[in-house]
């Protein structure tokens, strides 16, 4: 993967999202998301083979980067890709994430195809883990409900902004409403 500020390699496999290539939504997120802070706890939700987690770890080597995915093969690939790129990434099954974990940054190409109810439950669970000044950045395909997700998150009380749009993808930032 070649980005303006870094390059890395990663392996994919069958049974893991975006086998054989970097999907265009994730590429859009990696190219246009706001730069991550240098430190903090960062999470990639639905990490697949780990390109988002790898990018976070390479851009912010002092941060704690956590890659979460229910798919065991995805977690194995992310671990191996982290080793191959000499970065530290913790991989976890969602059930193994401590309930009290607070995160400063979430970057995700969320698993839209798990269904609307399951997706909403997943996103709200993780958004409630954001620190006071935490930020989530999601890339969502317009044809898979990006605009309705944007409205729903606002209705749930989150501050949402569309910071980019390209080839049918929306790049959304989500944070807590100011007090």
Foldseek 3Di string as FASTA:
>chain_A
DDEPVDDADFAADPPFPPHPDDDPLVVCCLHDPPQDDQEWEEEEESQGLNPVQVSNCVSRVRYAYEYEHQDPVRQVNVVVRCVRVVGDYHYDYVVPDDQQAATQEYEYQDPLVVDDVVRVVVVVSNQVRYDQNHKYKYKYFQVSPPVVVQVVLVVVQWDKDFPDDDPRITIMMTHHDDD
